[in-house]
Amino acid sequence: MDAPARGALMFVRLLGALFVVATILALGLYWAECAFAKPPVPVAKLPCAEKLIPAALGFVILLRAKKIAAWLSDQFDG
Protein backbone atom coordinates (compact mmCIF):
# COMPACT_ATOMS: atom_id res chain seq x y z
CA MET A 1 0.00 0.00 0.00
CA ASP A 2 1.54 3.31 -1.08
CA ALA A 3 1.59 6.47 0.99
CA PRO A 4 -1.48 8.27 -0.49
CA ALA A 5 -3.66 5.18 -0.04
CA ARG A 6 -2.40 4.76 3.52
CA GLY A 7 -3.13 8.41 4.21
CA ALA A 8 -6.66 8.07 2.84
CA LEU A 9 -7.23 4.99 4.98
CA MET A 10 -5.98 6.80 8.07
CA PHE A 11 -8.24 9.78 7.29
CA VAL A 12 -11.32 7.57 6.86
CA ARG A 13 -10.61 5.67 10.09
CA LEU A 14 -10.08 8.94 11.94
CA LEU A 15 -13.37 10.28 10.60
CA GLY A 16 -15.25 7.14 11.69
CA ALA A 17 -13.72 7.27 15.16
CA LEU A 18 -14.56 10.97 15.39
CA PHE A 19 -18.23 10.21 14.78
CA VAL A 20 -18.23 7.60 17.54
CA VAL A 21 -16.40 9.81 20.06
CA ALA A 22 -18.63 12.81 19.29
CA THR A 23 -21.69 10.65 19.91
CA ILE A 24 -20.33 9.45 23.24
CA LEU A 25 -19.70 13.06 24.26
CA ALA A 26 -23.19 14.15 23.12
CA LEU A 27 -24.83 11.31 25.07
CA GLY A 28 -22.79 12.20 28.15
CA LEU A 29 -23.83 15.83 27.88
CA TYR A 30 -27.49 14.85 27.48
CA TRP A 31 -27.27 12.58 30.53
CA ALA A 32 -25.66 15.39 32.53
CA GLU A 33 -28.43 17.79 31.51
CA CYS A 34 -31.04 15.30 32.70
CA ALA A 35 -29.24 14.25 35.88
CA PHE A 36 -28.32 17.69 37.18
CA ALA A 37 -31.59 19.46 36.38
CA LYS A 38 -33.63 20.63 39.36
CA PRO A 39 -35.65 18.38 39.74
CA PRO A 40 -33.89 15.57 37.85
CA VAL A 41 -35.54 14.69 34.55
CA PRO A 42 -35.66 11.07 33.32
CA VAL A 43 -33.62 10.29 30.23
CA ALA A 44 -35.95 9.91 27.23
CA LYS A 45 -35.49 7.19 24.62
CA LEU A 46 -36.11 9.24 21.47
CA PRO A 47 -33.40 11.88 22.07
CA CYS A 48 -30.94 9.08 22.89
CA ALA A 49 -31.85 7.24 19.70
CA GLU A 50 -31.40 10.44 17.68
CA LYS A 51 -28.00 11.00 19.22
CA LEU A 52 -26.92 7.43 18.35
CA ILE A 53 -27.32 7.96 14.58
CA PRO A 54 -23.81 9.46 14.12
CA ALA A 55 -22.30 6.54 16.05
CA ALA A 56 -24.01 4.06 13.73
CA LEU A 57 -22.66 6.02 10.76
CA GLY A 58 -19.20 5.99 12.36
CA PHE A 59 -19.26 2.22 12.80
CA VAL A 60 -20.35 1.76 9.18
CA ILE A 61 -17.47 4.00 8.10
CA LEU A 62 -15.04 1.97 10.23
CA LEU A 63 -16.32 -1.31 8.81
CA ARG A 64 -16.08 -0.10 5.21
CA ALA A 65 -12.90 1.95 5.67
CA LYS A 66 -10.82 0.21 3.00
CA LYS A 67 -13.51 0.54 0.34
CA ILE A 68 -14.15 4.18 1.18
CA ALA A 69 -10.42 4.95 1.23
CA ALA A 70 -9.95 3.25 -2.13
CA TRP A 71 -12.83 5.24 -3.59
CA LEU A 72 -11.46 8.46 -2.08
CA SER A 73 -7.96 7.92 -3.45
CA ASP A 74 -9.43 7.06 -6.89
CA GLN A 75 -11.38 10.32 -6.85
CA PHE A 76 -8.26 12.34 -6.18
CA ASP A 77 -6.07 10.40 -8.64
CA GLY A 78 -8.20 11.03 -11.71
PDB file of N, CA and C in Angstrom:
ATOM      1  N   MET A   1       0.859  -1.171   0.000  1.00  0.00           N
ATOM      2  CA  MET A   1       0.000   0.000   0.000  1.00  0.00           C
ATOM      3  C   MET A   1       0.906   1.236   0.000  1.00  0.00           C
ATOM      4  N   ASP A   2       0.705   2.111  -0.982  1.00  0.00           N
ATOM      5  CA  ASP A   2       1.536   3.307  -1.079  1.00  0.00           C
ATOM      6  C   ASP A   2       1.059   4.388  -0.111  1.00  0.00           C
ATOM      7  N   ALA A   3       1.839   5.440  -0.018  1.00  0.00           N
ATOM      8  CA  ALA A   3       1.589   6.474   0.990  1.00  0.00           C
ATOM      9  C   ALA A   3       0.250   7.195   0.823  1.00  0.00           C
ATOM     10  N   PRO A   4      -0.172   7.590  -0.385  1.00  0.00           N
ATOM     11  CA  PRO A   4      -1.479   8.266  -0.485  1.00  0.00           C
ATOM     12  C   PRO A   4      -2.645   7.366  -0.078  1.00  0.00           C
ATOM     13  N   ALA A   5      -2.592   6.102  -0.428  1.00  0.00           N
ATOM     14  CA  ALA A   5      -3.661   5.178  -0.043  1.00  0.00           C
ATOM     15  C   ALA A   5      -3.668   4.965   1.472  1.00  0.00           C
ATOM     16  N   ARG A   6      -2.484   4.889   2.071  1.00  0.00           N
ATOM     17  CA  ARG A   6      -2.401   4.760   3.523  1.00  0.00           C
ATOM     18  C   ARG A   6      -2.930   6.004   4.219  1.00  0.00           C
ATOM     19  N   GLY A   7      -2.631   7.160   3.652  1.00  0.00           N
ATOM     20  CA  GLY A   7      -3.132   8.412   4.209  1.00  0.00           C
ATOM     21  C   GLY A   7      -4.642   8.508   4.116  1.00  0.00           C
ATOM     22  N   ALA A   8      -5.200   8.066   2.988  1.00  0.00           N
ATOM     23  CA  ALA A   8      -6.655   8.074   2.835  1.00  0.00           C
ATOM     24  C   ALA A   8      -7.305   7.114   3.828  1.00  0.00           C
ATOM     25  N   LEU A   9      -6.692   5.950   4.023  1.00  0.00           N
ATOM     26  CA  LEU A   9      -7.234   4.987   4.984  1.00  0.00           C
ATOM     27  C   LEU A   9      -7.185   5.539   6.402  1.00  0.00           C
ATOM     28  N   MET A  10      -6.101   6.195   6.743  1.00  0.00           N
ATOM     29  CA  MET A  10      -5.975   6.798   8.072  1.00  0.00           C
ATOM     30  C   MET A  10      -7.024   7.896   8.265  1.00  0.00           C
ATOM     31  N   PHE A  11      -7.241   8.714   7.228  1.00  0.00           N
ATOM     32  CA  PHE A  11      -8.238   9.776   7.295  1.00  0.00           C
ATOM     33  C   PHE A  11      -9.639   9.210   7.489  1.00  0.00           C
ATOM     34  N   VAL A  12      -9.986   8.168   6.758  1.00  0.00           N
ATOM     35  CA  VAL A  12     -11.323   7.567   6.862  1.00  0.00           C
ATOM     36  C   VAL A  12     -11.512   6.943   8.239  1.00  0.00           C
ATOM     37  N   ARG A  13     -10.503   6.259   8.744  1.00  0.00           N
ATOM     38  CA  ARG A  13     -10.607   5.670  10.086  1.00  0.00           C
ATOM     39  C   ARG A  13     -10.734   6.757  11.156  1.00  0.00           C
ATOM     40  N   LEU A  14      -9.997   7.833  10.999  1.00  0.00           N
ATOM     41  CA  LEU A  14     -10.081   8.941  11.939  1.00  0.00           C
ATOM     42  C   LEU A  14     -11.468   9.568  11.914  1.00  0.00           C
ATOM     43  N   LEU A  15     -12.035   9.716  10.731  1.00  0.00           N
ATOM     44  CA  LEU A  15     -13.371  10.278  10.597  1.00  0.00           C
ATOM     45  C   LEU A  15     -14.418   9.376  11.254  1.00  0.00           C
ATOM     46  N   GLY A  16     -14.321   8.070  11.052  1.00  0.00           N
ATOM     47  CA  GLY A  16     -15.251   7.139  11.693  1.00  0.00           C
ATOM     48  C   GLY A  16     -15.140   7.172  13.205  1.00  0.00           C
ATOM     49  N   ALA A  17     -13.914   7.203  13.709  1.00  0.00           N
ATOM     50  CA  ALA A  17     -13.718   7.269  15.157  1.00  0.00           C
ATOM     51  C   ALA A  17     -14.215   8.588  15.724  1.00  0.00           C
ATOM     52  N   LEU A  18     -14.075   9.664  14.958  1.00  0.00           N
ATOM     53  CA  LEU A  18     -14.560  10.967  15.387  1.00  0.00           C
ATOM     54  C   LEU A  18     -16.077  10.964  15.557  1.00  0.00           C
ATOM     55  N   PHE A  19     -16.783  10.322  14.641  1.00  0.00           N
ATOM     56  CA  PHE A  19     -18.235  10.208  14.777  1.00  0.00           C
ATOM     57  C   PHE A  19     -18.618   9.463  16.058  1.00  0.00           C
ATOM     58  N   VAL A  20     -17.915   8.387  16.354  1.00  0.00           N
ATOM     59  CA  VAL A  20     -18.227   7.599  17.545  1.00  0.00           C
ATOM     60  C   VAL A  20     -17.922   8.391  18.821  1.00  0.00           C
ATOM     61  N   VAL A  21     -16.783   9.039  18.866  1.00  0.00           N
ATOM     62  CA  VAL A  21     -16.402   9.809  20.055  1.00  0.00           C
ATOM     63  C   VAL A  21     -17.330  11.000  20.259  1.00  0.00           C
ATOM     64  N   ALA A  22     -17.699  11.671  19.179  1.00  0.00           N
ATOM     65  CA  ALA A  22     -18.629  12.806  19.289  1.00  0.00           C
ATOM     66  C   ALA A  22     -19.986  12.354  19.809  1.00  0.00           C
ATOM     67  N   THR A  23     -20.418  11.175  19.413  1.00  0.00           N
ATOM     68  CA  THR A  23     -21.688  10.651  19.909  1.00  0.00           C
ATOM     69  C   THR A  23     -21.609  10.331  21.391  1.00  0.00           C
ATOM     70  N   ILE A  24     -20.503   9.750  21.816  1.00  0.00           N
ATOM     71  CA  ILE A  24     -20.335   9.454  23.244  1.00  0.00           C
ATOM     72  C   ILE A  24     -20.361  10.744  24.056  1.00  0.00           C
ATOM     73  N   LEU A  25     -19.701  11.776  23.559  1.00  0.00           N
ATOM     74  CA  LEU A  25     -19.705  13.060  24.260  1.00  0.00           C
ATOM     75  C   LEU A  25     -21.101  13.684  24.281  1.00  0.00           C
ATOM     76  N   ALA A  26     -21.839  13.589  23.176  1.00  0.00           N
ATOM     77  CA  ALA A  26     -23.188  14.149  23.121  1.00  0.00           C
ATOM     78  C   ALA A  26     -24.125  13.406  24.074  1.00  0.00           C
ATOM     79  N   LEU A  27     -24.002  12.085  24.136  1.00  0.00           N
ATOM     80  CA  LEU A  27     -24.830  11.314  25.072  1.00  0.00           C
ATOM     81  C   LEU A  27     -24.480  11.641  26.521  1.00  0.00           C
ATOM     82  N   GLY A  28     -23.203  11.824  26.806  1.00  0.00           N
ATOM     83  CA  GLY A  28     -22.794  12.203  28.154  1.00  0.00           C
ATOM     84  C   GLY A  28     -23.321  13.571  28.546  1.00  0.00           C
ATOM     85  N   LEU A  29     -23.301  14.500  27.608  1.00  0.00           N
ATOM     86  CA  LEU A  29     -23.834  15.831  27.885  1.00  0.00           C
ATOM     87  C   LEU A  29     -25.340  15.785  28.104  1.00  0.00           C
ATOM     88  N   TYR A  30     -26.039  14.984  27.301  1.00  0.00           N
ATOM     89  CA  TYR A  30     -27.490  14.846  27.476  1.00  0.00           C
ATOM     90  C   TYR A  30     -27.814  14.222  28.837  1.00  0.00           C
ATOM     91  N   TRP A  31     -27.051  13.200  29.219  1.00  0.00           N
ATOM     92  CA  TRP A  31     -27.271  12.580  30.525  1.00  0.00           C
ATOM     93  C   TRP A  31     -27.027  13.589  31.647  1.00  0.00           C
ATOM     94  N   ALA A  32     -25.970  14.392  31.504  1.00  0.00           N
ATOM     95  CA  ALA A  32     -25.661  15.387  32.533  1.00  0.00           C
ATOM     96  C   ALA A  32     -26.770  16.432  32.629  1.00  0.00           C
ATOM     97  N   GLU A  33     -27.326  16.835  31.484  1.00  0.00           N
ATOM     98  CA  GLU A  33     -28.433  17.787  31.511  1.00  0.00           C
ATOM     99  C   GLU A  33     -29.628  17.212  32.262  1.00  0.00           C
ATOM    100  N   CYS A  34     -29.893  15.939  32.039  1.00  0.00           N
ATOM    101  CA  CYS A  34     -31.038  15.302  32.700  1.00  0.00           C
ATOM    102  C   CYS A  34     -30.754  15.046  34.182  1.00  0.00           C
ATOM    103  N   ALA A  35     -29.559  14.636  34.504  1.00  0.00           N
ATOM    104  CA  ALA A  35     -29.243  14.247  35.877  1.00  0.00           C
ATOM    105  C   ALA A  35     -29.110  15.444  36.807  1.00  0.00           C
ATOM    106  N   PHE A  36     -28.575  16.552  36.309  1.00  0.00           N
ATOM    107  CA  PHE A  36     -28.317  17.689  37.178  1.00  0.00           C
ATOM    108  C   PHE A  36     -29.371  18.784  37.090  1.00  0.00           C
ATOM    109  N   ALA A  37     -30.478  18.505  36.408  1.00  0.00           N
ATOM    110  CA  ALA A  37     -31.585  19.463  36.381  1.00  0.00           C
ATOM    111  C   ALA A  37     -32.271  19.448  37.743  1.00  0.00           C
ATOM    112  N   LYS A  38     -32.899  20.551  38.078  1.00  0.00           N
ATOM    113  CA  LYS A  38     -33.626  20.633  39.359  1.00  0.00           C
ATOM    114  C   LYS A  38     -35.098  20.723  39.056  1.00  0.00           C
ATOM    115  N   PRO A  39     -35.887  19.758  39.299  1.00  0.00           N
ATOM    116  CA  PRO A  39     -35.649  18.384  39.743  1.00  0.00           C
ATOM    117  C   PRO A  39     -35.112  17.532  38.587  1.00  0.00           C
ATOM    118  N   PRO A  40     -34.449  16.425  38.905  1.00  0.00           N
ATOM    119  CA  PRO A  40     -33.887  15.572  37.845  1.00  0.00           C
ATOM    120  C   PRO A  40     -34.972  15.084  36.881  1.00  0.00           C
ATOM    121  N   VAL A  41     -34.622  15.093  35.616  1.00  0.00           N
ATOM    122  CA  VAL A  41     -35.535  14.687  34.546  1.00  0.00           C
ATOM    123  C   VAL A  41     -35.115  13.301  34.074  1.00  0.00           C
ATOM    124  N   PRO A  42     -36.063  12.385  33.839  1.00  0.00           N
ATOM    125  CA  PRO A  42     -35.657  11.070  33.322  1.00  0.00           C
ATOM    126  C   PRO A  42     -35.117  11.178  31.890  1.00  0.00           C
ATOM    127  N   VAL A  43     -34.207  10.310  31.567  1.00  0.00           N
ATOM    128  CA  VAL A  43     -33.623  10.287  30.229  1.00  0.00           C
ATOM    129  C   VAL A  43     -34.648   9.670  29.283  1.00  0.00           C
ATOM    130  N   ALA A  44     -34.963  10.384  28.197  1.00  0.00           N
ATOM    131  CA  ALA A  44     -35.949   9.915  27.227  1.00  0.00           C
ATOM    132  C   ALA A  44     -35.272   9.046  26.166  1.00  0.00           C
ATOM    133  N   LYS A  45     -36.041   8.124  25.602  1.00  0.00           N
ATOM    134  CA  LYS A  45     -35.489   7.191  24.620  1.00  0.00           C
ATOM    135  C   LYS A  45     -35.279   7.833  23.252  1.00  0.00           C
ATOM    136  N   LEU A  46     -36.202   8.664  22.809  1.00  0.00           N
ATOM    137  CA  LEU A  46     -36.109   9.237  21.468  1.00  0.00           C
ATOM    138  C   LEU A  46     -34.899  10.155  21.306  1.00  0.00           C
ATOM    139  N   PRO A  47     -34.624  11.073  22.232  1.00  0.00           N
ATOM    140  CA  PRO A  47     -33.399  11.875  22.067  1.00  0.00           C
ATOM    141  C   PRO A  47     -32.119  11.034  22.084  1.00  0.00           C
ATOM    142  N   CYS A  48     -32.117   9.969  22.875  1.00  0.00           N
ATOM    143  CA  CYS A  48     -30.942   9.080  22.888  1.00  0.00           C
ATOM    144  C   CYS A  48     -30.789   8.363  21.552  1.00  0.00           C
ATOM    145  N   ALA A  49     -31.902   7.917  20.993  1.00  0.00           N
ATOM    146  CA  ALA A  49     -31.855   7.238  19.699  1.00  0.00           C
ATOM    147  C   ALA A  49     -31.398   8.197  18.602  1.00  0.00           C
ATOM    148  N   GLU A  50     -31.839   9.447  18.669  1.00  0.00           N
ATOM    149  CA  GLU A  50     -31.404  10.436  17.679  1.00  0.00           C
ATOM    150  C   GLU A  50     -29.912  10.721  17.808  1.00  0.00           C
ATOM    151  N   LYS A  51     -29.412  10.725  19.008  1.00  0.00           N
ATOM    152  CA  LYS A  51     -27.997  11.002  19.223  1.00  0.00           C
ATOM    153  C   LYS A  51     -27.122   9.807  18.839  1.00  0.00           C
ATOM    154  N   LEU A  52     -27.692   8.609  18.722  1.00  0.00           N
ATOM    155  CA  LEU A  52     -26.924   7.426  18.348  1.00  0.00           C
ATOM    156  C   LEU A  52     -26.741   7.275  16.841  1.00  0.00           C
ATOM    157  N   ILE A  53     -27.434   8.066  16.037  1.00  0.00           N
ATOM    158  CA  ILE A  53     -27.323   7.962  14.581  1.00  0.00           C
ATOM    159  C   ILE A  53     -25.892   8.229  14.100  1.00  0.00           C
ATOM    160  N   PRO A  54     -25.201   9.273  14.569  1.00  0.00           N
ATOM    161  CA  PRO A  54     -23.812   9.464  14.116  1.00  0.00           C
ATOM    162  C   PRO A  54     -22.885   8.310  14.516  1.00  0.00           C
ATOM    163  N   ALA A  55     -23.138   7.675  15.648  1.00  0.00           N
ATOM    164  CA  ALA A  55     -22.301   6.535  16.050  1.00  0.00           C
ATOM    165  C   ALA A  55     -22.504   5.372  15.092  1.00  0.00           C
ATOM    166  N   ALA A  56     -23.751   5.127  14.691  1.00  0.00           N
ATOM    167  CA  ALA A  56     -24.010   4.062  13.727  1.00  0.00           C
ATOM    168  C   ALA A  56     -23.308   4.363  12.407  1.00  0.00           C
ATOM    169  N   LEU A  57     -23.358   5.619  11.976  1.00  0.00           N
ATOM    170  CA  LEU A  57     -22.657   6.017  10.763  1.00  0.00           C
ATOM    171  C   LEU A  57     -21.144   5.837  10.931  1.00  0.00           C
ATOM    172  N   GLY A  58     -20.623   6.163  12.099  1.00  0.00           N
ATOM    173  CA  GLY A  58     -19.197   5.986  12.361  1.00  0.00           C
ATOM    174  C   GLY A  58     -18.775   4.537  12.313  1.00  0.00           C
ATOM    175  N   PHE A  59     -19.597   3.644  12.858  1.00  0.00           N
ATOM    176  CA  PHE A  59     -19.262   2.218  12.803  1.00  0.00           C
ATOM    177  C   PHE A  59     -19.326   1.679  11.384  1.00  0.00           C
ATOM    178  N   VAL A  60     -20.280   2.168  10.591  1.00  0.00           N
ATOM    179  CA  VAL A  60     -20.348   1.760   9.184  1.00  0.00           C
ATOM    180  C   VAL A  60     -19.104   2.245   8.448  1.00  0.00           C
ATOM    181  N   ILE A  61     -18.682   3.464   8.718  1.00  0.00           N
ATOM    182  CA  ILE A  61     -17.465   3.995   8.098  1.00  0.00           C
ATOM    183  C   ILE A  61     -16.260   3.164   8.503  1.00  0.00           C
ATOM    184  N   LEU A  62     -16.174   2.787   9.776  1.00  0.00           N
ATOM    185  CA  LEU A  62     -15.039   1.974  10.225  1.00  0.00           C
ATOM    186  C   LEU A  62     -15.049   0.588   9.597  1.00  0.00           C
ATOM    187  N   LEU A  63     -16.239   0.013   9.418  1.00  0.00           N
ATOM    188  CA  LEU A  63     -16.316  -1.312   8.810  1.00  0.00           C
ATOM    189  C   LEU A  63     -15.979  -1.284   7.324  1.00  0.00           C
ATOM    190  N   ARG A  64     -16.315  -0.222   6.643  1.00  0.00           N
ATOM    191  CA  ARG A  64     -16.081  -0.097   5.205  1.00  0.00           C
ATOM    192  C   ARG A  64     -14.905   0.824   4.886  1.00  0.00           C
ATOM    193  N   ALA A  65     -13.980   0.971   5.806  1.00  0.00           N
ATOM    194  CA  ALA A  65     -12.903   1.952   5.673  1.00  0.00           C
ATOM    195  C   ALA A  65     -12.039   1.712   4.438  1.00  0.00           C
ATOM    196  N   LYS A  66     -11.692   0.471   4.147  1.00  0.00           N
ATOM    197  CA  LYS A  66     -10.817   0.205   2.999  1.00  0.00           C
ATOM    198  C   LYS A  66     -11.506   0.562   1.692  1.00  0.00           C
ATOM    199  N   LYS A  67     -12.783   0.222   1.575  1.00  0.00           N
ATOM    200  CA  LYS A  67     -13.508   0.541   0.344  1.00  0.00           C
ATOM    201  C   LYS A  67     -13.677   2.047   0.174  1.00  0.00           C
ATOM    202  N   ILE A  68     -13.979   2.734   1.250  1.00  0.00           N
ATOM    203  CA  ILE A  68     -14.150   4.184   1.185  1.00  0.00           C
ATOM    204  C   ILE A  68     -12.813   4.855   0.869  1.00  0.00           C
ATOM    205  N   ALA A  69     -11.742   4.374   1.485  1.00  0.00           N
ATOM    206  CA  ALA A  69     -10.416   4.952   1.228  1.00  0.00           C
ATOM    207  C   ALA A  69      -9.987   4.706  -0.215  1.00  0.00           C
ATOM    208  N   ALA A  70     -10.272   3.531  -0.748  1.00  0.00           N
ATOM    209  CA  ALA A  70      -9.947   3.252  -2.133  1.00  0.00           C
ATOM    210  C   ALA A  70     -10.736   4.163  -3.071  1.00  0.00           C
ATOM    211  N   TRP A  71     -12.005   4.346  -2.791  1.00  0.00           N
ATOM    212  CA  TRP A  71     -12.831   5.245  -3.588  1.00  0.00           C
ATOM    213  C   TRP A  71     -12.324   6.682  -3.496  1.00  0.00           C
ATOM    214  N   LEU A  72     -11.955   7.096  -2.298  1.00  0.00           N
ATOM    215  CA  LEU A  72     -11.465   8.460  -2.084  1.00  0.00           C
ATOM    216  C   LEU A  72     -10.152   8.700  -2.821  1.00  0.00           C
ATOM    217  N   SER A  73      -9.247   7.751  -2.752  1.00  0.00           N
ATOM    218  CA  SER A  73      -7.964   7.919  -3.455  1.00  0.00           C
ATOM    219  C   SER A  73      -8.156   7.868  -4.959  1.00  0.00           C
ATOM    220  N   ASP A  74      -9.119   7.075  -5.456  1.00  0.00           N
ATOM    221  CA  ASP A  74      -9.429   7.059  -6.889  1.00  0.00           C
ATOM    222  C   ASP A  74     -10.010   8.400  -7.344  1.00  0.00           C
ATOM    223  N   GLN A  75     -10.804   9.022  -6.503  1.00  0.00           N
ATOM    224  CA  GLN A  75     -11.384  10.318  -6.852  1.00  0.00           C
ATOM    225  C   GLN A  75     -10.307  11.386  -6.987  1.00  0.00           C
ATOM    226  N   PHE A  76      -9.305  11.325  -6.143  1.00  0.00           N
ATOM    227  CA  PHE A  76      -8.262  12.345  -6.183  1.00  0.00           C
ATOM    228  C   PHE A  76      -7.159  12.011  -7.203  1.00  0.00           C
ATOM    229  N   ASP A  77      -7.061  10.753  -7.629  1.00  0.00           N
ATOM    230  CA  ASP A  77      -6.066  10.400  -8.638  1.00  0.00           C
ATOM    231  C   ASP A  77      -6.471  10.876 -10.033  1.00  0.00           C
ATOM    232  N   GLY A  78      -7.734  10.746 -10.351  1.00  0.00           N
ATOM    233  CA  GLY A  78      -8.204  11.030 -11.708  1.00  0.00           C
ATOM    234  C   GLY A  78      -8.503  12.430 -11.915  1.00  0.00           C
TER     235      GLY A  78
END
